[in-house]
Amino acid sequence: MKQNIHPQFYTDAAVHCTSCGNRFTTGSTKQSISVEVCYKCHPFFTGEHRFLDVRGRVDTFQKKQEVAKKYKAVLATKKHDKKQKEERDSKSLKDLLNEA
């Protein structure tokens, strides 16, 4: 193993949760760590069903879902109109031979 290439390891690194304010210590290569979600406020550990909205990501995702629904509806009507137009414009082989 090479000497003097490994970072300093702190056994008493302070961790601070920005959403609930919880503080605890752990081992890390950084002396202080700031996290957005910890074990006291994460829905998996608390059993609560809630959204963790970090920087409005949930809102932007829901907006994208609404836009996608509208787009699918418009696309479906366009496909339906195109199919009806093709049915009106298409002629059978018998009709084409009778014209010639």
PDB file of N, CA and C in Angstrom:
ATOM      1  N   MET A   1       0.837  -1.168   0.000  1.00  0.00           N
ATOM      2  CA  MET A   1       0.000   0.000   0.000  1.00  0.00           C
ATOM      3  C   MET A   1       0.889   1.241   0.000  1.00  0.00           C
ATOM      4  N   LYS A   2       0.566   2.225  -0.825  1.00  0.00           N
ATOM      5  CA  LYS A   2       1.365   3.447  -0.918  1.00  0.00           C
ATOM      6  C   LYS A   2       1.160   4.324   0.313  1.00  0.00           C
ATOM      7  N   GLN A   3       2.175   5.004   0.688  1.00  0.00           N
ATOM      8  CA  GLN A   3       2.132   5.897   1.845  1.00  0.00           C
ATOM      9  C   GLN A   3       1.721   7.308   1.416  1.00  0.00           C
ATOM     10  N   ASN A   4       1.069   8.017   2.299  1.00  0.00           N
ATOM     11  CA  ASN A   4       0.719   9.436   2.153  1.00  0.00           C
ATOM     12  C   ASN A   4      -0.146   9.766   0.932  1.00  0.00           C
ATOM     13  N   ILE A   5      -0.996   8.848   0.484  1.00  0.00           N
ATOM     14  CA  ILE A   5      -1.907   9.168  -0.622  1.00  0.00           C
ATOM     15  C   ILE A   5      -3.363   9.167  -0.164  1.00  0.00           C
ATOM     16  N   HIS A   6      -3.633   8.664   1.021  1.00  0.00           N
ATOM     17  CA  HIS A   6      -5.005   8.566   1.505  1.00  0.00           C
ATOM     18  C   HIS A   6      -5.426   9.851   2.212  1.00  0.00           C
ATOM     19  N   PRO A   7      -6.700  10.240   2.065  1.00  0.00           N
ATOM     20  CA  PRO A   7      -7.158  11.473   2.720  1.00  0.00           C
ATOM     21  C   PRO A   7      -7.258  11.297   4.233  1.00  0.00           C
ATOM     22  N   GLN A   8      -7.315  12.406   4.914  1.00  0.00           N
ATOM     23  CA  GLN A   8      -7.465  12.412   6.377  1.00  0.00           C
ATOM     24  C   GLN A   8      -8.840  11.850   6.725  1.00  0.00           C
ATOM     25  N   PHE A   9      -8.936  10.925   7.674  1.00  0.00           N
ATOM     26  CA  PHE A   9     -10.209  10.337   8.094  1.00  0.00           C
ATOM     27  C   PHE A   9     -10.571  10.882   9.467  1.00  0.00           C
ATOM     28  N   TYR A  10     -11.758  11.491   9.534  1.00  0.00           N
ATOM     29  CA  TYR A  10     -12.245  12.057  10.794  1.00  0.00           C
ATOM     30  C   TYR A  10     -13.267  11.091  11.390  1.00  0.00           C
ATOM     31  N   THR A  11     -13.023  10.626  12.598  1.00  0.00           N
ATOM     32  CA  THR A  11     -13.959   9.692  13.246  1.00  0.00           C
ATOM     33  C   THR A  11     -15.138  10.423  13.870  1.00  0.00           C
ATOM     34  N   ASP A  12     -15.036  11.723  14.057  1.00  0.00           N
ATOM     35  CA  ASP A  12     -16.113  12.497  14.667  1.00  0.00           C
ATOM     36  C   ASP A  12     -16.642  13.575  13.716  1.00  0.00           C
ATOM     37  N   ALA A  13     -16.932  13.194  12.483  1.00  0.00           N
ATOM     38  CA  ALA A  13     -17.456  14.136  11.493  1.00  0.00           C
ATOM     39  C   ALA A  13     -18.900  14.486  11.860  1.00  0.00           C
ATOM     40  N   ALA A  14     -19.216  15.776  11.858  1.00  0.00           N
ATOM     41  CA  ALA A  14     -20.560  16.244  12.214  1.00  0.00           C
ATOM     42  C   ALA A  14     -21.438  16.286  10.967  1.00  0.00           C
ATOM     43  N   VAL A  15     -22.626  15.705  11.077  1.00  0.00           N
ATOM     44  CA  VAL A  15     -23.594  15.690   9.983  1.00  0.00           C
ATOM     45  C   VAL A  15     -24.785  16.536  10.405  1.00  0.00           C
ATOM     46  N   HIS A  16     -25.217  17.459   9.523  1.00  0.00           N
ATOM     47  CA  HIS A  16     -26.352  18.332   9.808  1.00  0.00           C
ATOM     48  C   HIS A  16     -27.401  18.164   8.718  1.00  0.00           C
ATOM     49  N   CYS A  17     -28.639  17.838   9.117  1.00  0.00           N
ATOM     50  CA  CYS A  17     -29.756  17.692   8.174  1.00  0.00           C
ATOM     51  C   CYS A  17     -30.424  19.052   8.013  1.00  0.00           C
ATOM     52  N   THR A  18     -30.536  19.530   6.768  1.00  0.00           N
ATOM     53  CA  THR A  18     -31.109  20.852   6.531  1.00  0.00           C
ATOM     54  C   THR A  18     -32.632  20.860   6.616  1.00  0.00           C
ATOM     55  N   SER A  19     -33.300  19.721   6.423  1.00  0.00           N
ATOM     56  CA  SER A  19     -34.761  19.732   6.438  1.00  0.00           C
ATOM     57  C   SER A  19     -35.336  19.619   7.845  1.00  0.00           C
ATOM     58  N   CYS A  20     -34.731  18.824   8.720  1.00  0.00           N
ATOM     59  CA  CYS A  20     -35.293  18.662  10.069  1.00  0.00           C
ATOM     60  C   CYS A  20     -34.387  19.218  11.163  1.00  0.00           C
ATOM     61  N   GLY A  21     -33.157  19.550  10.855  1.00  0.00           N
ATOM     62  CA  GLY A  21     -32.255  20.118  11.842  1.00  0.00           C
ATOM     63  C   GLY A  21     -31.531  19.096  12.698  1.00  0.00           C
ATOM     64  N   ASN A  22     -31.670  17.830  12.398  1.00  0.00           N
ATOM     65  CA  ASN A  22     -31.022  16.765  13.169  1.00  0.00           C
ATOM     66  C   ASN A  22     -29.505  16.840  13.004  1.00  0.00           C
ATOM     67  N   ARG A  23     -28.782  16.564  14.089  1.00  0.00           N
ATOM     68  CA  ARG A  23     -27.319  16.536  14.053  1.00  0.00           C
ATOM     69  C   ARG A  23     -26.841  15.216  14.646  1.00  0.00           C
ATOM     70  N   PHE A  24     -25.853  14.604  13.998  1.00  0.00           N
ATOM     71  CA  PHE A  24     -25.244  13.390  14.523  1.00  0.00           C
ATOM     72  C   PHE A  24     -23.810  13.303  14.025  1.00  0.00           C
ATOM     73  N   THR A  25     -23.044  12.373  14.589  1.00  0.00           N
ATOM     74  CA  THR A  25     -21.643  12.232  14.195  1.00  0.00           C
ATOM     75  C   THR A  25     -21.432  10.881  13.542  1.00  0.00           C
ATOM     76  N   THR A  26     -20.462  10.852  12.653  1.00  0.00           N
ATOM     77  CA  THR A  26     -20.112   9.628  11.935  1.00  0.00           C
ATOM     78  C   THR A  26     -18.657   9.739  11.486  1.00  0.00           C
ATOM     79  N   GLY A  27     -18.151   8.731  10.839  1.00  0.00           N
ATOM     80  CA  GLY A  27     -16.798   8.772  10.307  1.00  0.00           C
ATOM     81  C   GLY A  27     -16.814   9.182   8.851  1.00  0.00           C
ATOM     82  N   SER A  28     -15.906  10.088   8.469  1.00  0.00           N
ATOM     83  CA  SER A  28     -15.882  10.563   7.096  1.00  0.00           C
ATOM     84  C   SER A  28     -14.535  11.211   6.796  1.00  0.00           C
ATOM     85  N   THR A  29     -14.307  11.487   5.523  1.00  0.00           N
ATOM     86  CA  THR A  29     -13.097  12.201   5.124  1.00  0.00           C
ATOM     87  C   THR A  29     -13.308  13.709   5.176  1.00  0.00           C
ATOM     88  N   LYS A  30     -14.548  14.150   5.446  1.00  0.00           N
ATOM     89  CA  LYS A  30     -14.848  15.567   5.626  1.00  0.00           C
ATOM     90  C   LYS A  30     -15.185  15.801   7.094  1.00  0.00           C
ATOM     91  N   GLN A  31     -14.845  16.974   7.593  1.00  0.00           N
ATOM     92  CA  GLN A  31     -15.086  17.262   8.999  1.00  0.00           C
ATOM     93  C   GLN A  31     -16.552  17.579   9.269  1.00  0.00           C
ATOM     94  N   SER A  32     -17.235  18.220   8.319  1.00  0.00           N
ATOM     95  CA  SER A  32     -18.661  18.499   8.486  1.00  0.00           C
ATOM     96  C   SER A  32     -19.381  18.199   7.174  1.00  0.00           C
ATOM     97  N   ILE A  33     -20.572  17.633   7.306  1.00  0.00           N
ATOM     98  CA  ILE A  33     -21.368  17.234   6.150  1.00  0.00           C
ATOM     99  C   ILE A  33     -22.763  17.820   6.320  1.00  0.00           C
ATOM    100  N   SER A  34     -23.333  18.367   5.247  1.00  0.00           N
ATOM    101  CA  SER A  34     -24.692  18.881   5.257  1.00  0.00           C
ATOM    102  C   SER A  34     -25.521  18.027   4.301  1.00  0.00           C
ATOM    103  N   VAL A  35     -26.593  17.421   4.806  1.00  0.00           N
ATOM    104  CA  VAL A  35     -27.452  16.564   3.985  1.00  0.00           C
ATOM    105  C   VAL A  35     -28.868  17.148   3.948  1.00  0.00           C
ATOM    106  N   GLU A  36     -29.622  16.815   2.899  1.00  0.00           N
ATOM    107  CA  GLU A  36     -30.983  17.315   2.764  1.00  0.00           C
ATOM    108  C   GLU A  36     -31.989  16.430   3.483  1.00  0.00           C
ATOM    109  N   VAL A  37     -31.702  15.128   3.587  1.00  0.00           N
ATOM    110  CA  VAL A  37     -32.614  14.185   4.219  1.00  0.00           C
ATOM    111  C   VAL A  37     -31.800  13.228   5.080  1.00  0.00           C
ATOM    112  N   CYS A  38     -32.272  12.968   6.291  1.00  0.00           N
ATOM    113  CA  CYS A  38     -31.563  12.037   7.169  1.00  0.00           C
ATOM    114  C   CYS A  38     -32.512  10.916   7.598  1.00  0.00           C
ATOM    115  N   TYR A  39     -32.071  10.067   8.493  1.00  0.00           N
ATOM    116  CA  TYR A  39     -32.871   8.927   8.917  1.00  0.00           C
ATOM    117  C   TYR A  39     -34.076   9.336   9.761  1.00  0.00           C
ATOM    118  N   LYS A  40     -34.083  10.526  10.331  1.00  0.00           N
ATOM    119  CA  LYS A  40     -35.211  10.962  11.150  1.00  0.00           C
ATOM    120  C   LYS A  40     -36.331  11.588  10.328  1.00  0.00           C
ATOM    121  N   CYS A  41     -36.031  12.050   9.118  1.00  0.00           N
ATOM    122  CA  CYS A  41     -37.065  12.712   8.321  1.00  0.00           C
ATOM    123  C   CYS A  41     -37.331  12.018   6.983  1.00  0.00           C
ATOM    124  N   HIS A  42     -36.606  10.963   6.642  1.00  0.00           N
ATOM    125  CA  HIS A  42     -36.829  10.265   5.372  1.00  0.00           C
ATOM    126  C   HIS A  42     -38.094   9.420   5.476  1.00  0.00           C
ATOM    127  N   PRO A  43     -38.988   9.459   4.468  1.00  0.00           N
ATOM    128  CA  PRO A  43     -40.249   8.718   4.531  1.00  0.00           C
ATOM    129  C   PRO A  43     -40.070   7.208   4.692  1.00  0.00           C
ATOM    130  N   PHE A  44     -39.010   6.642   4.178  1.00  0.00           N
ATOM    131  CA  PHE A  44     -38.804   5.201   4.309  1.00  0.00           C
ATOM    132  C   PHE A  44     -38.635   4.801   5.766  1.00  0.00           C
ATOM    133  N   PHE A  45     -37.901   5.594   6.536  1.00  0.00           N
ATOM    134  CA  PHE A  45     -37.642   5.266   7.932  1.00  0.00           C
ATOM    135  C   PHE A  45     -38.763   5.710   8.861  1.00  0.00           C
ATOM    136  N   THR A  46     -39.483   6.784   8.518  1.00  0.00           N
ATOM    137  CA  THR A  46     -40.543   7.295   9.390  1.00  0.00           C
ATOM    138  C   THR A  46     -41.875   6.624   9.128  1.00  0.00           C
ATOM    139  N   GLY A  47     -42.064   6.034   7.954  1.00  0.00           N
ATOM    140  CA  GLY A  47     -43.328   5.389   7.619  1.00  0.00           C
ATOM    141  C   GLY A  47     -44.380   6.359   7.115  1.00  0.00           C
ATOM    142  N   GLU A  48     -44.063   7.623   6.986  1.00  0.00           N
ATOM    143  CA  GLU A  48     -44.992   8.621   6.483  1.00  0.00           C
ATOM    144  C   GLU A  48     -44.967   8.621   4.960  1.00  0.00           C
ATOM    145  N   HIS A  49     -46.119   8.931   4.374  1.00  0.00           N
ATOM    146  CA  HIS A  49     -46.181   9.064   2.923  1.00  0.00           C
ATOM    147  C   HIS A  49     -46.217  10.555   2.606  1.00  0.00           C
ATOM    148  N   ARG A  50     -45.090  11.102   2.196  1.00  0.00           N
ATOM    149  CA  ARG A  50     -45.018  12.503   1.827  1.00  0.00           C
ATOM    150  C   ARG A  50     -43.942  12.667   0.768  1.00  0.00           C
ATOM    151  N   PHE A  51     -44.050  13.774   0.046  1.00  0.00           N
ATOM    152  CA  PHE A  51     -43.068  14.072  -0.978  1.00  0.00           C
ATOM    153  C   PHE A  51     -41.927  14.864  -0.368  1.00  0.00           C
ATOM    154  N   LEU A  52     -40.716  14.513  -0.748  1.00  0.00           N
ATOM    155  CA  LEU A  52     -39.552  15.305  -0.366  1.00  0.00           C
ATOM    156  C   LEU A  52     -39.280  16.250  -1.519  1.00  0.00           C
ATOM    157  N   ASP A  53     -39.792  17.448  -1.414  1.00  0.00           N
ATOM    158  CA  ASP A  53     -39.688  18.405  -2.507  1.00  0.00           C
ATOM    159  C   ASP A  53     -38.394  19.195  -2.377  1.00  0.00           C
ATOM    160  N   VAL A  54     -37.408  18.786  -3.140  1.00  0.00           N
ATOM    161  CA  VAL A  54     -36.121  19.459  -3.132  1.00  0.00           C
ATOM    162  C   VAL A  54     -36.045  20.335  -4.379  1.00  0.00           C
ATOM    163  N   ARG A  55     -35.989  21.622  -4.163  1.00  0.00           N
ATOM    164  CA  ARG A  55     -35.888  22.614  -5.245  1.00  0.00           C
ATOM    165  C   ARG A  55     -37.052  22.512  -6.231  1.00  0.00           C
ATOM    166  N   GLY A  56     -38.244  22.159  -5.784  1.00  0.00           N
ATOM    167  CA  GLY A  56     -39.422  22.139  -6.644  1.00  0.00           C
ATOM    168  C   GLY A  56     -39.443  21.017  -7.651  1.00  0.00           C
ATOM    169  N   ARG A  57     -38.721  19.951  -7.412  1.00  0.00           N
ATOM    170  CA  ARG A  57     -38.644  18.860  -8.383  1.00  0.00           C
ATOM    171  C   ARG A  57     -39.965  18.121  -8.530  1.00  0.00           C
ATOM    172  N   VAL A  58     -40.710  17.989  -7.441  1.00  0.00           N
ATOM    173  CA  VAL A  58     -42.005  17.304  -7.514  1.00  0.00           C
ATOM    174  C   VAL A  58     -42.962  18.110  -8.372  1.00  0.00           C
ATOM    175  N   ASP A  59     -42.995  19.427  -8.165  1.00  0.00           N
ATOM    176  CA  ASP A  59     -43.884  20.282  -8.958  1.00  0.00           C
ATOM    177  C   ASP A  59     -43.542  20.228 -10.432  1.00  0.00           C
ATOM    178  N   THR A  60     -42.261  20.293 -10.765  1.00  0.00           N
ATOM    179  CA  THR A  60     -41.878  20.257 -12.174  1.00  0.00           C
ATOM    180  C   THR A  60     -42.213  18.900 -12.783  1.00  0.00           C
ATOM    181  N   PHE A  61     -42.060  17.816 -12.019  1.00  0.00           N
ATOM    182  CA  PHE A  61     -42.418  16.496 -12.529  1.00  0.00           C
ATOM    183  C   PHE A  61     -43.911  16.407 -12.791  1.00  0.00           C
ATOM    184  N   GLN A  62     -44.731  16.913 -11.873  1.00  0.00           N
ATOM    185  CA  GLN A  62     -46.175  16.868 -12.062  1.00  0.00           C
ATOM    186  C   GLN A  62     -46.609  17.723 -13.250  1.00  0.00           C
ATOM    187  N   LYS A  63     -45.953  18.867 -13.466  1.00  0.00           N
ATOM    188  CA  LYS A  63     -46.256  19.698 -14.631  1.00  0.00           C
ATOM    189  C   LYS A  63     -45.921  18.962 -15.926  1.00  0.00           C
ATOM    190  N   LYS A  64     -44.795  18.255 -15.929  1.00  0.00           N
ATOM    191  CA  LYS A  64     -44.419  17.483 -17.112  1.00  0.00           C
ATOM    192  C   LYS A  64     -45.445  16.386 -17.393  1.00  0.00           C
ATOM    193  N   GLN A  65     -45.960  15.765 -16.345  1.00  0.00           N
ATOM    194  CA  GLN A  65     -46.971  14.724 -16.517  1.00  0.00           C
ATOM    195  C   GLN A  65     -48.247  15.295 -17.130  1.00  0.00           C
ATOM    196  N   GLU A  66     -48.672  16.496 -16.687  1.00  0.00           N
ATOM    197  CA  GLU A  66     -49.859  17.129 -17.249  1.00  0.00           C
ATOM    198  C   GLU A  66     -49.667  17.470 -18.720  1.00  0.00           C
ATOM    199  N   VAL A  67     -48.489  18.003 -19.058  1.00  0.00           N
ATOM    200  CA  VAL A  67     -48.195  18.345 -20.451  1.00  0.00           C
ATOM    201  C   VAL A  67     -48.188  17.086 -21.308  1.00  0.00           C
ATOM    202  N   ALA A  68     -47.655  15.996 -20.774  1.00  0.00           N
ATOM    203  CA  ALA A  68     -47.614  14.743 -21.520  1.00  0.00           C
ATOM    204  C   ALA A  68     -49.024  14.224 -21.780  1.00  0.00           C
ATOM    205  N   LYS A  69     -49.921  14.343 -20.810  1.00  0.00           N
ATOM    206  CA  LYS A  69     -51.306  13.894 -21.006  1.00  0.00           C
ATOM    207  C   LYS A  69     -51.983  14.695 -22.107  1.00  0.00           C
ATOM    208  N   LYS A  70     -51.769  16.024 -22.085  1.00  0.00           N
ATOM    209  CA  LYS A  70     -52.363  16.873 -23.118  1.00  0.00           C
ATOM    210  C   LYS A  70     -51.797  16.520 -24.492  1.00  0.00           C
ATOM    211  N   TYR A  71     -50.492  16.283 -24.554  1.00  0.00           N
ATOM    212  CA  TYR A  71     -49.852  15.940 -25.814  1.00  0.00           C
ATOM    213  C   TYR A  71     -50.381  14.612 -26.356  1.00  0.00           C
ATOM    214  N   LYS A  72     -50.573  13.635 -25.469  1.00  0.00           N
ATOM    215  CA  LYS A  72     -51.111  12.344 -25.908  1.00  0.00           C
ATOM    216  C   LYS A  72     -52.511  12.502 -26.470  1.00  0.00           C
ATOM    217  N   ALA A  73     -53.329  13.351 -25.842  1.00  0.00           N
ATOM    218  CA  ALA A  73     -54.686  13.572 -26.339  1.00  0.00           C
ATOM    219  C   ALA A  73     -54.648  14.222 -27.720  1.00  0.00           C
ATOM    220  N   VAL A  74     -53.800  15.221 -27.905  1.00  0.00           N
ATOM    221  CA  VAL A  74     -53.679  15.887 -29.206  1.00  0.00           C
ATOM    222  C   VAL A  74     -53.153  14.912 -30.251  1.00  0.00           C
ATOM    223  N   LEU A  75     -52.175  14.120 -29.878  1.00  0.00           N
ATOM    224  CA  LEU A  75     -51.603  13.151 -30.804  1.00  0.00           C
ATOM    225  C   LEU A  75     -52.630  12.109 -31.225  1.00  0.00           C
ATOM    226  N   ALA A  76     -53.447  11.669 -30.278  1.00  0.00           N
ATOM    227  CA  ALA A  76     -54.476  10.686 -30.595  1.00  0.00           C
ATOM    228  C   ALA A  76     -55.486  11.258 -31.587  1.00  0.00           C
ATOM    229  N   THR A  77     -55.888  12.512 -31.405  1.00  0.00           N
ATOM    230  CA  THR A  77     -56.836  13.109 -32.347  1.00  0.00           C
ATOM    231  C   THR A  77     -56.199  13.289 -33.720  1.00  0.00           C
ATOM    232  N   LYS A  78     -54.916  13.649 -33.764  1.00  0.00           N
ATOM    233  CA  LYS A  78     -54.232  13.792 -35.056  1.00  0.00           C
ATOM    234  C   LYS A  78     -54.164  12.453 -35.779  1.00  0.00           C
ATOM    235  N   LYS A  79     -53.851  11.398 -35.054  1.00  0.00           N
ATOM    236  CA  LYS A  79     -53.782  10.067 -35.671  1.00  0.00           C
ATOM    237  C   LYS A  79     -55.155   9.642 -36.179  1.00  0.00           C
ATOM    238  N   HIS A  80     -56.181   9.943 -35.391  1.00  0.00           N
ATOM    239  CA  HIS A  80     -57.541   9.575 -35.785  1.00  0.00           C
ATOM    240  C   HIS A  80     -57.945  10.333 -37.049  1.00  0.00           C
ATOM    241  N   ASP A  81     -57.641  11.644 -37.099  1.00  0.00           N
ATOM    242  CA  ASP A  81     -57.964  12.444 -38.286  1.00  0.00           C
ATOM    243  C   ASP A  81     -57.197  11.963 -39.509  1.00  0.00           C
ATOM    244  N   LYS A  82     -55.936  11.623 -39.319  1.00  0.00           N
ATOM    245  CA  LYS A  82     -55.120  11.142 -40.429  1.00  0.00           C
ATOM    246  C   LYS A  82     -55.661   9.821 -40.960  1.00  0.00           C
ATOM    247  N   LYS A  83     -56.079   8.952 -40.052  1.00  0.00           N
ATOM    248  CA  LYS A  83     -56.617   7.654 -40.472  1.00  0.00           C
ATOM    249  C   LYS A  83     -57.911   7.845 -41.253  1.00  0.00           C
ATOM    250  N   GLN A  84     -58.779   8.746 -40.803  1.00  0.00           N
ATOM    251  CA  GLN A  84     -60.026   9.005 -41.519  1.00  0.00           C
ATOM    252  C   GLN A  84     -59.755   9.589 -42.900  1.00  0.00           C
ATOM    253  N   LYS A  85     -58.774  10.483 -43.001  1.00  0.00           N
ATOM    254  CA  LYS A  85     -58.433  11.079 -44.288  1.00  0.00           C
ATOM    255  C   LYS A  85     -57.906  10.021 -45.245  1.00  0.00           C
ATOM    256  N   GLU A  86     -57.050   9.121 -44.740  1.00  0.00           N
ATOM    257  CA  GLU A  86     -56.526   8.049 -45.585  1.00  0.00           C
ATOM    258  C   GLU A  86     -57.635   7.121 -46.056  1.00  0.00           C
ATOM    259  N   GLU A  87     -58.618   6.885 -45.198  1.00  0.00           N
ATOM    260  CA  GLU A  87     -59.737   6.018 -45.593  1.00  0.00           C
ATOM    261  C   GLU A  87     -60.571   6.676 -46.684  1.00  0.00           C
ATOM    262  N   ARG A  88     -60.755   7.999 -46.598  1.00  0.00           N
ATOM    263  CA  ARG A  88     -61.512   8.712 -47.622  1.00  0.00           C
ATOM    264  C   ARG A  88     -60.749   8.769 -48.941  1.00  0.00           C
ATOM    265  N   ASP A  89     -59.413   9.005 -48.848  1.00  0.00           N
ATOM    266  CA  ASP A  89     -58.602   9.187 -50.043  1.00  0.00           C
ATOM    267  C   ASP A  89     -58.200   7.876 -50.705  1.00  0.00           C
ATOM    268  N   SER A  90     -58.162   6.815 -49.966  1.00  0.00           N
ATOM    269  CA  SER A  90     -57.689   5.561 -50.543  1.00  0.00           C
ATOM    270  C   SER A  90     -58.773   4.924 -51.415  1.00  0.00           C
ATOM    271  N   LYS A  91     -58.329   4.370 -52.493  1.00  0.00           N
ATOM    272  CA  LYS A  91     -59.239   3.691 -53.409  1.00  0.00           C
ATOM    273  C   LYS A  91     -58.811   2.241 -53.505  1.00  0.00           C
ATOM    274  N   SER A  92     -59.767   1.409 -53.755  1.00  0.00           N
ATOM    275  CA  SER A  92     -59.454  -0.010 -53.881  1.00  0.00           C
ATOM    276  C   SER A  92     -58.815  -0.280 -55.255  1.00  0.00           C
ATOM    277  N   LEU A  93     -58.254  -1.439 -55.420  1.00  0.00           N
ATOM    278  CA  LEU A  93     -57.612  -1.826 -56.686  1.00  0.00           C
ATOM    279  C   LEU A  93     -58.660  -1.889 -57.801  1.00  0.00           C
ATOM    280  N   LYS A  94     -59.871  -2.303 -57.462  1.00  0.00           N
ATOM    281  CA  LYS A  94     -60.939  -2.392 -58.447  1.00  0.00           C
ATOM    282  C   LYS A  94     -61.302  -1.006 -58.985  1.00  0.00           C
ATOM    283  N   ASP A  95     -61.367  -0.021 -58.064  1.00  0.00           N
ATOM    284  CA  ASP A  95     -61.677   1.348 -58.485  1.00  0.00           C
ATOM    285  C   ASP A  95     -60.575   1.913 -59.371  1.00  0.00           C
ATOM    286  N   LEU A  96     -59.327   1.641 -59.018  1.00  0.00           N
ATOM    287  CA  LEU A  96     -58.207   2.143 -59.819  1.00  0.00           C
ATOM    288  C   LEU A  96     -58.195   1.524 -61.209  1.00  0.00           C
ATOM    289  N   LEU A  97     -58.517   0.245 -61.346  1.00  0.00           N
ATOM    290  CA  LEU A  97     -58.551  -0.407 -62.656  1.00  0.00           C
ATOM    291  C   LEU A  97     -59.711   0.085 -63.504  1.00  0.00           C
ATOM    292  N   ASN A  98     -60.834   0.387 -62.872  1.00  0.00           N
ATOM    293  CA  ASN A  98     -61.997   0.896 -63.615  1.00  0.00           C
ATOM    294  C   ASN A  98     -61.731   2.291 -64.180  1.00  0.00           C
ATOM    295  N   GLU A  99     -60.910   3.095 -63.467  1.00  0.00           N
ATOM    296  CA  GLU A  99     -60.595   4.430 -63.949  1.00  0.00           C
ATOM    297  C   GLU A  99     -59.675   4.393 -65.158  1.00  0.00           C
ATOM    298  N   ALA A 100     -58.779   3.409 -65.202  1.00  0.00           N
ATOM    299  CA  ALA A 100     -57.804   3.352 -66.278  1.00  0.00           C
ATOM    300  C   ALA A 100     -58.361   2.810 -67.519  1.00  0.00           C
TER     301      ALA A 100
END
